[in-house]
Amino acid sequence: MMNMQSMMKQAQKLQKQMQVSQEEIANTTFVGKSAQDLVTVEFSGDRTLKSLDIKPDVIDLEDPETLQDMVTDAVNDALSQIEKVTEQKLGKFTKGLPF
């Protein structure tokens, strides 16, 4: 059976590893794209929108819904990438915990 001091050291080590992983994610750029790459967004891993690029071909004053849908698709694409990477990098720290 582990003693309390050993458990505390292990917990501190895991906390540091988790912090490093969180920083890596935050410093990563995630690119989301709509169909045919007509709308492209860049997010940092902390979910901050860094850029939004809209190709002129998709801008149609008679059909704003298409552009709205493409922006939504690009944003959701990037956010799902962030979620996937976050789960891959941080999920290992919470596996088996009772919460």
N, C-alpha and C. Protein backbone atom coordinates (compact mmCIF):
# COMPACT_ATOMS: atom_id res chain seq x y z
N MET A 1 0.84 -1.19 0.00
CA MET A 1 0.00 0.00 0.00
C MET A 1 0.89 1.25 0.00
N MET A 2 0.51 2.21 -0.84
CA MET A 2 1.29 3.45 -0.95
C MET A 2 1.11 4.30 0.29
N ASN A 3 2.18 4.96 0.68
CA ASN A 3 2.03 5.88 1.79
C ASN A 3 1.54 7.23 1.26
N MET A 4 1.10 8.07 2.15
CA MET A 4 0.49 9.34 1.78
C MET A 4 1.47 10.24 1.04
N GLN A 5 2.71 10.27 1.43
CA GLN A 5 3.72 11.13 0.79
C GLN A 5 3.94 10.69 -0.66
N SER A 6 3.99 9.41 -0.88
CA SER A 6 4.17 8.88 -2.23
C SER A 6 2.96 9.22 -3.11
N MET A 7 1.79 9.11 -2.55
CA MET A 7 0.57 9.46 -3.28
C MET A 7 0.55 10.94 -3.65
N MET A 8 0.98 11.79 -2.74
CA MET A 8 1.01 13.23 -3.00
C MET A 8 2.00 13.56 -4.11
N LYS A 9 3.16 12.91 -4.09
CA LYS A 9 4.16 13.14 -5.14
C LYS A 9 3.62 12.71 -6.50
N GLN A 10 2.94 11.59 -6.53
CA GLN A 10 2.37 11.10 -7.78
C GLN A 10 1.28 12.06 -8.28
N ALA A 11 0.47 12.57 -7.37
CA ALA A 11 -0.58 13.51 -7.75
C ALA A 11 0.03 14.80 -8.30
N GLN A 12 1.09 15.29 -7.68
CA GLN A 12 1.76 16.49 -8.17
C GLN A 12 2.37 16.27 -9.55
N LYS A 13 2.93 15.10 -9.77
CA LYS A 13 3.51 14.77 -11.07
C LYS A 13 2.42 14.75 -12.14
N LEU A 14 1.31 14.12 -11.84
CA LEU A 14 0.20 14.08 -12.78
C LEU A 14 -0.34 15.47 -13.06
N GLN A 15 -0.41 16.31 -12.04
CA GLN A 15 -0.89 17.67 -12.21
C GLN A 15 0.02 18.45 -13.15
N LYS A 16 1.32 18.30 -13.00
CA LYS A 16 2.27 18.98 -13.89
C LYS A 16 2.14 18.49 -15.32
N GLN A 17 2.00 17.17 -15.48
CA GLN A 17 1.83 16.61 -16.83
C GLN A 17 0.55 17.13 -17.48
N MET A 18 -0.49 17.21 -16.70
CA MET A 18 -1.77 17.70 -17.21
C MET A 18 -1.65 19.17 -17.62
N GLN A 19 -0.96 19.96 -16.82
CA GLN A 19 -0.77 21.38 -17.13
C GLN A 19 0.02 21.54 -18.43
N VAL A 20 1.05 20.73 -18.63
CA VAL A 20 1.83 20.78 -19.86
C VAL A 20 0.94 20.44 -21.06
N SER A 21 0.12 19.41 -20.91
CA SER A 21 -0.78 19.02 -21.99
C SER A 21 -1.78 20.13 -22.30
N GLN A 22 -2.31 20.78 -21.27
CA GLN A 22 -3.25 21.89 -21.47
C GLN A 22 -2.58 23.04 -22.21
N GLU A 23 -1.34 23.34 -21.87
CA GLU A 23 -0.61 24.41 -22.55
C GLU A 23 -0.34 24.06 -24.00
N GLU A 24 -0.01 22.80 -24.26
CA GLU A 24 0.21 22.35 -25.64
C GLU A 24 -1.06 22.54 -26.47
N ILE A 25 -2.19 22.17 -25.91
CA ILE A 25 -3.46 22.32 -26.62
C ILE A 25 -3.74 23.80 -26.87
N ALA A 26 -3.58 24.63 -25.85
CA ALA A 26 -3.85 26.06 -25.99
C ALA A 26 -2.97 26.72 -27.04
N ASN A 27 -1.76 26.22 -27.22
CA ASN A 27 -0.83 26.81 -28.18
C ASN A 27 -0.93 26.20 -29.58
N THR A 28 -1.86 25.28 -29.77
CA THR A 28 -2.05 24.65 -31.06
C THR A 28 -3.10 25.43 -31.85
N THR A 29 -2.90 25.54 -33.17
CA THR A 29 -3.87 26.18 -34.05
C THR A 29 -4.69 25.10 -34.73
N PHE A 30 -6.00 25.25 -34.69
CA PHE A 30 -6.93 24.32 -35.30
C PHE A 30 -7.64 25.03 -36.45
N VAL A 31 -7.66 24.39 -37.61
CA VAL A 31 -8.26 24.98 -38.80
C VAL A 31 -9.53 24.21 -39.14
N GLY A 32 -10.63 24.96 -39.21
CA GLY A 32 -11.90 24.37 -39.61
C GLY A 32 -12.27 24.87 -40.98
N LYS A 33 -12.89 23.99 -41.76
CA LYS A 33 -13.24 24.35 -43.14
C LYS A 33 -14.65 23.92 -43.46
N SER A 34 -15.28 24.70 -44.33
CA SER A 34 -16.58 24.33 -44.85
C SER A 34 -16.37 23.53 -46.12
N ALA A 35 -17.47 23.15 -46.74
CA ALA A 35 -17.40 22.43 -48.01
C ALA A 35 -16.61 23.25 -49.02
N GLN A 36 -15.78 22.59 -49.77
CA GLN A 36 -14.95 23.21 -50.81
C GLN A 36 -14.03 24.30 -50.27
N ASP A 37 -13.80 24.32 -48.98
CA ASP A 37 -12.90 25.30 -48.34
C ASP A 37 -13.27 26.75 -48.65
N LEU A 38 -14.56 27.01 -48.83
CA LEU A 38 -15.00 28.37 -49.14
C LEU A 38 -14.96 29.26 -47.90
N VAL A 39 -15.10 28.65 -46.74
CA VAL A 39 -14.96 29.37 -45.47
C VAL A 39 -13.95 28.61 -44.63
N THR A 40 -12.96 29.33 -44.12
CA THR A 40 -11.92 28.73 -43.28
C THR A 40 -11.79 29.55 -42.01
N VAL A 41 -11.71 28.86 -40.88
CA VAL A 41 -11.51 29.54 -39.59
C VAL A 41 -10.30 28.94 -38.90
N GLU A 42 -9.66 29.75 -38.07
CA GLU A 42 -8.56 29.28 -37.24
C GLU A 42 -8.89 29.61 -35.79
N PHE A 43 -8.75 28.59 -34.95
CA PHE A 43 -8.95 28.75 -33.51
C PHE A 43 -7.67 28.34 -32.80
N SER A 44 -7.41 28.96 -31.67
CA SER A 44 -6.37 28.45 -30.79
C SER A 44 -7.04 27.36 -29.95
N GLY A 45 -6.22 26.55 -29.32
CA GLY A 45 -6.75 25.44 -28.54
C GLY A 45 -7.60 25.85 -27.35
N ASP A 46 -7.50 27.12 -26.96
CA ASP A 46 -8.36 27.59 -25.87
C ASP A 46 -9.68 28.15 -26.41
N ARG A 47 -9.97 27.80 -27.65
CA ARG A 47 -11.24 28.12 -28.33
C ARG A 47 -11.40 29.61 -28.64
N THR A 48 -10.29 30.29 -28.90
CA THR A 48 -10.33 31.69 -29.30
C THR A 48 -10.24 31.75 -30.82
N LEU A 49 -11.20 32.42 -31.44
CA LEU A 49 -11.19 32.56 -32.89
C LEU A 49 -10.07 33.51 -33.28
N LYS A 50 -9.16 33.03 -34.13
CA LYS A 50 -8.00 33.83 -34.55
C LYS A 50 -8.21 34.45 -35.92
N SER A 51 -8.88 33.73 -36.81
CA SER A 51 -9.12 34.28 -38.14
C SER A 51 -10.33 33.63 -38.78
N LEU A 52 -10.91 34.36 -39.72
CA LEU A 52 -12.06 33.90 -40.48
C LEU A 52 -11.84 34.36 -41.91
N ASP A 53 -11.79 33.40 -42.83
CA ASP A 53 -11.57 33.72 -44.24
C ASP A 53 -12.77 33.25 -45.04
N ILE A 54 -13.36 34.16 -45.80
CA ILE A 54 -14.52 33.84 -46.63
C ILE A 54 -14.14 34.14 -48.08
N LYS A 55 -14.24 33.13 -48.93
CA LYS A 55 -13.94 33.32 -50.34
C LYS A 55 -15.07 34.17 -50.97
N PRO A 56 -14.71 35.11 -51.82
CA PRO A 56 -15.72 35.97 -52.44
C PRO A 56 -16.80 35.20 -53.19
N ASP A 57 -16.47 34.03 -53.71
CA ASP A 57 -17.45 33.25 -54.48
C ASP A 57 -18.69 32.89 -53.68
N VAL A 58 -18.55 32.78 -52.37
CA VAL A 58 -19.67 32.33 -51.54
C VAL A 58 -20.56 33.49 -51.08
N ILE A 59 -20.12 34.71 -51.30
CA ILE A 59 -20.91 35.87 -50.86
C ILE A 59 -21.99 36.16 -51.89
N ASP A 60 -23.22 35.92 -51.50
CA ASP A 60 -24.38 36.14 -52.36
C ASP A 60 -25.42 36.88 -51.53
N LEU A 61 -25.65 38.14 -51.87
CA LEU A 61 -26.59 38.96 -51.10
C LEU A 61 -28.01 38.41 -51.15
N GLU A 62 -28.31 37.62 -52.16
CA GLU A 62 -29.64 37.03 -52.28
C GLU A 62 -29.79 35.76 -51.44
N ASP A 63 -28.65 35.22 -50.96
CA ASP A 63 -28.66 33.94 -50.25
C ASP A 63 -27.71 33.96 -49.05
N PRO A 64 -28.00 34.78 -48.04
CA PRO A 64 -27.12 34.84 -46.88
C PRO A 64 -27.10 33.54 -46.06
N GLU A 65 -28.15 32.73 -46.18
CA GLU A 65 -28.22 31.49 -45.41
C GLU A 65 -27.10 30.52 -45.76
N THR A 66 -26.72 30.47 -47.02
CA THR A 66 -25.64 29.57 -47.43
C THR A 66 -24.34 29.96 -46.75
N LEU A 67 -24.04 31.26 -46.74
CA LEU A 67 -22.83 31.73 -46.07
C LEU A 67 -22.90 31.44 -44.57
N GLN A 68 -24.03 31.67 -43.97
CA GLN A 68 -24.19 31.38 -42.54
C GLN A 68 -23.94 29.90 -42.26
N ASP A 69 -24.48 29.04 -43.10
CA ASP A 69 -24.29 27.60 -42.92
C ASP A 69 -22.82 27.22 -43.06
N MET A 70 -22.13 27.82 -44.02
CA MET A 70 -20.71 27.50 -44.22
C MET A 70 -19.86 27.97 -43.06
N VAL A 71 -20.17 29.15 -42.51
CA VAL A 71 -19.42 29.63 -41.35
C VAL A 71 -19.67 28.70 -40.16
N THR A 72 -20.91 28.31 -39.97
CA THR A 72 -21.24 27.39 -38.89
C THR A 72 -20.51 26.07 -39.05
N ASP A 73 -20.48 25.54 -40.27
CA ASP A 73 -19.78 24.27 -40.53
C ASP A 73 -18.29 24.39 -40.22
N ALA A 74 -17.67 25.47 -40.66
CA ALA A 74 -16.23 25.66 -40.43
C ALA A 74 -15.93 25.78 -38.94
N VAL A 75 -16.74 26.56 -38.22
CA VAL A 75 -16.53 26.73 -36.78
C VAL A 75 -16.72 25.40 -36.05
N ASN A 76 -17.77 24.69 -36.38
CA ASN A 76 -18.01 23.40 -35.72
C ASN A 76 -16.93 22.39 -36.04
N ASP A 77 -16.38 22.44 -37.25
CA ASP A 77 -15.28 21.56 -37.62
C ASP A 77 -14.07 21.82 -36.73
N ALA A 78 -13.70 23.07 -36.57
CA ALA A 78 -12.54 23.41 -35.74
C ALA A 78 -12.79 23.04 -34.28
N LEU A 79 -13.96 23.36 -33.76
CA LEU A 79 -14.26 23.05 -32.36
C LEU A 79 -14.28 21.55 -32.10
N SER A 80 -14.75 20.77 -33.06
CA SER A 80 -14.74 19.31 -32.85
C SER A 80 -13.31 18.78 -32.86
N GLN A 81 -12.43 19.39 -33.64
CA GLN A 81 -11.02 19.00 -33.62
C GLN A 81 -10.39 19.30 -32.26
N ILE A 82 -10.71 20.47 -31.72
CA ILE A 82 -10.19 20.84 -30.40
C ILE A 82 -10.68 19.83 -29.35
N GLU A 83 -11.95 19.49 -29.42
CA GLU A 83 -12.53 18.55 -28.45
C GLU A 83 -11.86 17.19 -28.56
N LYS A 84 -11.62 16.73 -29.77
CA LYS A 84 -10.99 15.43 -29.98
C LYS A 84 -9.56 15.41 -29.42
N VAL A 85 -8.79 16.44 -29.71
CA VAL A 85 -7.41 16.49 -29.22
C VAL A 85 -7.39 16.63 -27.70
N THR A 86 -8.30 17.42 -27.16
CA THR A 86 -8.39 17.59 -25.71
C THR A 86 -8.68 16.25 -25.05
N GLU A 87 -9.61 15.50 -25.60
CA GLU A 87 -9.94 14.19 -25.04
C GLU A 87 -8.75 13.24 -25.13
N GLN A 88 -8.03 13.28 -26.26
CA GLN A 88 -6.88 12.41 -26.43
C GLN A 88 -5.78 12.74 -25.42
N LYS A 89 -5.52 14.03 -25.23
CA LYS A 89 -4.40 14.44 -24.38
C LYS A 89 -4.75 14.46 -22.90
N LEU A 90 -5.97 14.84 -22.57
CA LEU A 90 -6.33 14.98 -21.16
C LEU A 90 -7.18 13.84 -20.62
N GLY A 91 -7.80 13.08 -21.50
CA GLY A 91 -8.64 11.98 -21.07
C GLY A 91 -7.89 10.93 -20.29
N LYS A 92 -6.61 10.76 -20.62
CA LYS A 92 -5.81 9.76 -19.91
C LYS A 92 -5.63 10.10 -18.44
N PHE A 93 -5.79 11.37 -18.09
CA PHE A 93 -5.62 11.77 -16.70
C PHE A 93 -6.87 11.49 -15.86
N THR A 94 -8.02 11.37 -16.52
CA THR A 94 -9.26 11.20 -15.77
C THR A 94 -9.85 9.79 -15.87
N LYS A 95 -9.24 8.93 -16.66
CA LYS A 95 -9.77 7.56 -16.78
C LYS A 95 -9.74 6.87 -15.43
N GLY A 96 -10.85 6.25 -15.11
CA GLY A 96 -10.93 5.49 -13.88
C GLY A 96 -11.29 6.30 -12.65
N LEU A 97 -11.40 7.63 -12.81
CA LEU A 97 -11.78 8.44 -11.65
C LEU A 97 -13.30 8.39 -11.49
N PRO A 98 -13.80 8.45 -10.27
CA PRO A 98 -15.22 8.25 -10.02
C PRO A 98 -16.13 9.45 -10.30
N PHE A 99 -15.67 10.45 -11.03
CA PHE A 99 -16.56 11.59 -11.31
C PHE A 99 -16.71 11.78 -12.79
